[in-house]
Amino acid sequence: MFGFKHAIRGLFLMIKTERNFKIHVFALVCVLSLGFLLDITTQDWISILMVSALVISLEIINSAIEKICNLYSTDKNEKIKNIKDISAGAVLMAALVAFIVGVLVFYPYI
């Protein structure tokens, strides 16, 4: 139970300090609301929840990587820039796939 306390604190810290995380959480709330409104199937819920969890999790990991890099150095550093860009690219890729899944799931209902 002790580990959950730290994990929940981390989520609140993300909501409080990370702009992109807030955007992803807002998108998640919109998608979940649309899912309830359109009464999507269990299989569609599984698809939506899986890609949503992937995007949110990768955004958290991306933020952690950025913070670790900033601890190492705040000076201009091409290697650190590449690390940050690669981790941001992972979030972008997941978000694009989530968008495609969202279109595939919701299109038949609309």
Protein backbone atom coordinates (compact mmCIF):
# COMPACT_ATOMS: atom_id res chain seq x y z
CA MET A 1 0.00 0.00 0.00
CA PHE A 2 2.94 2.31 0.69
CA GLY A 3 3.99 2.23 -2.99
CA PHE A 4 0.52 3.37 -4.09
CA LYS A 5 0.94 6.52 -2.01
CA HIS A 6 4.03 7.47 -4.04
CA ALA A 7 2.39 6.53 -7.34
CA ILE A 8 -0.69 8.63 -6.61
CA ARG A 9 1.55 11.52 -5.53
CA GLY A 10 3.36 11.16 -8.85
CA LEU A 11 0.10 11.35 -10.79
CA PHE A 12 -0.97 14.48 -8.91
CA LEU A 13 2.47 15.97 -9.55
CA MET A 14 2.05 15.27 -13.26
CA ILE A 15 -1.36 16.96 -13.32
CA LYS A 16 -0.03 19.92 -11.37
CA THR A 17 3.18 20.51 -13.35
CA GLU A 18 3.00 18.97 -16.83
CA ARG A 19 1.02 20.82 -19.54
CA ASN A 20 1.07 17.94 -22.04
CA PHE A 21 -0.17 15.51 -19.40
CA LYS A 22 -3.13 17.81 -18.74
CA ILE A 23 -3.89 17.79 -22.47
CA HIS A 24 -3.78 13.98 -22.58
CA VAL A 25 -6.00 13.69 -19.50
CA PHE A 26 -8.49 16.15 -21.04
CA ALA A 27 -8.54 14.09 -24.25
CA LEU A 28 -9.07 10.94 -22.18
CA VAL A 29 -12.03 12.49 -20.36
CA CYS A 30 -13.54 13.50 -23.72
CA VAL A 31 -13.05 10.03 -25.19
CA LEU A 32 -14.47 8.31 -22.10
CA SER A 33 -17.48 10.64 -22.16
CA LEU A 34 -18.05 9.91 -25.85
CA GLY A 35 -17.77 6.19 -25.16
CA PHE A 36 -20.47 6.38 -22.48
CA LEU A 37 -22.64 8.65 -24.63
CA LEU A 38 -22.47 6.29 -27.62
CA ASP A 39 -22.70 3.13 -25.50
CA ILE A 40 -19.75 1.44 -27.21
CA THR A 41 -19.16 -2.31 -26.95
CA THR A 42 -16.91 -4.02 -24.43
CA GLN A 43 -14.36 -4.76 -27.17
CA ASP A 44 -14.35 -1.08 -28.16
CA TRP A 45 -13.85 -0.10 -24.50
CA ILE A 46 -10.88 -2.46 -24.29
CA SER A 47 -9.33 -0.88 -27.39
CA ILE A 48 -9.91 2.67 -26.15
CA LEU A 49 -8.63 1.96 -22.64
CA MET A 50 -5.52 0.14 -23.87
CA VAL A 51 -4.37 2.90 -26.23
CA SER A 52 -5.30 5.57 -23.67
CA ALA A 53 -3.26 3.85 -20.98
CA LEU A 54 -0.36 3.59 -23.42
CA VAL A 55 -0.41 7.31 -24.23
CA ILE A 56 -0.77 8.40 -20.59
CA SER A 57 1.97 6.00 -19.44
CA LEU A 58 4.38 7.09 -22.15
CA GLU A 59 3.74 10.74 -21.31
CA ILE A 60 4.66 10.00 -17.69
CA ILE A 61 7.82 8.15 -18.77
CA ASN A 62 8.70 10.97 -21.17
CA SER A 63 8.41 13.51 -18.37
CA ALA A 64 10.58 11.38 -16.10
CA ILE A 65 13.24 11.08 -18.81
CA GLU A 66 13.19 14.85 -19.34
CA LYS A 67 13.59 15.47 -15.61
CA ILE A 68 16.50 13.02 -15.38
CA CYS A 69 18.18 14.71 -18.35
CA ASN A 70 17.70 18.12 -16.73
CA LEU A 71 19.31 16.83 -13.53
CA TYR A 72 22.32 15.73 -15.55
CA SER A 73 22.70 19.05 -17.35
CA THR A 74 20.69 22.13 -18.24
CA ASP A 75 23.37 23.30 -20.67
CA LYS A 76 22.81 22.92 -24.40
CA ASN A 77 23.72 19.32 -25.17
CA GLU A 78 22.95 17.59 -28.47
CA LYS A 79 22.91 14.11 -26.91
CA ILE A 80 20.41 15.16 -24.24
CA LYS A 81 18.31 16.90 -26.91
CA ASN A 82 18.24 13.67 -28.92
CA ILE A 83 17.19 11.65 -25.85
CA LYS A 84 14.36 14.08 -25.13
CA ASP A 85 13.25 14.14 -28.78
CA ILE A 86 13.23 10.34 -28.98
CA SER A 87 11.14 9.98 -25.83
CA ALA A 88 8.74 12.67 -27.08
CA GLY A 89 8.55 10.78 -30.38
CA ALA A 90 7.38 7.69 -28.51
CA VAL A 91 4.48 9.68 -27.04
CA LEU A 92 3.65 11.13 -30.45
CA MET A 93 3.60 7.68 -32.05
CA ALA A 94 1.29 6.32 -29.35
CA ALA A 95 -0.98 9.37 -29.62
CA LEU A 96 -1.25 8.94 -33.40
CA VAL A 97 -2.15 5.27 -33.02
CA ALA A 98 -4.67 6.18 -30.30
CA PHE A 99 -6.23 8.72 -32.64
CA ILE A 100 -6.53 6.11 -35.40
CA VAL A 101 -8.05 3.60 -32.97
CA GLY A 102 -10.47 6.29 -31.81
CA VAL A 103 -11.57 6.98 -35.37
CA LEU A 104 -11.97 3.26 -36.07
CA VAL A 105 -13.98 2.74 -32.88
CA PHE A 106 -16.23 5.81 -33.01
CA TYR A 107 -16.84 6.16 -36.76
CA PRO A 108 -19.46 3.37 -36.94
CA TYR A 109 -21.42 5.00 -34.08
CA ILE A 110 -21.53 8.45 -35.66
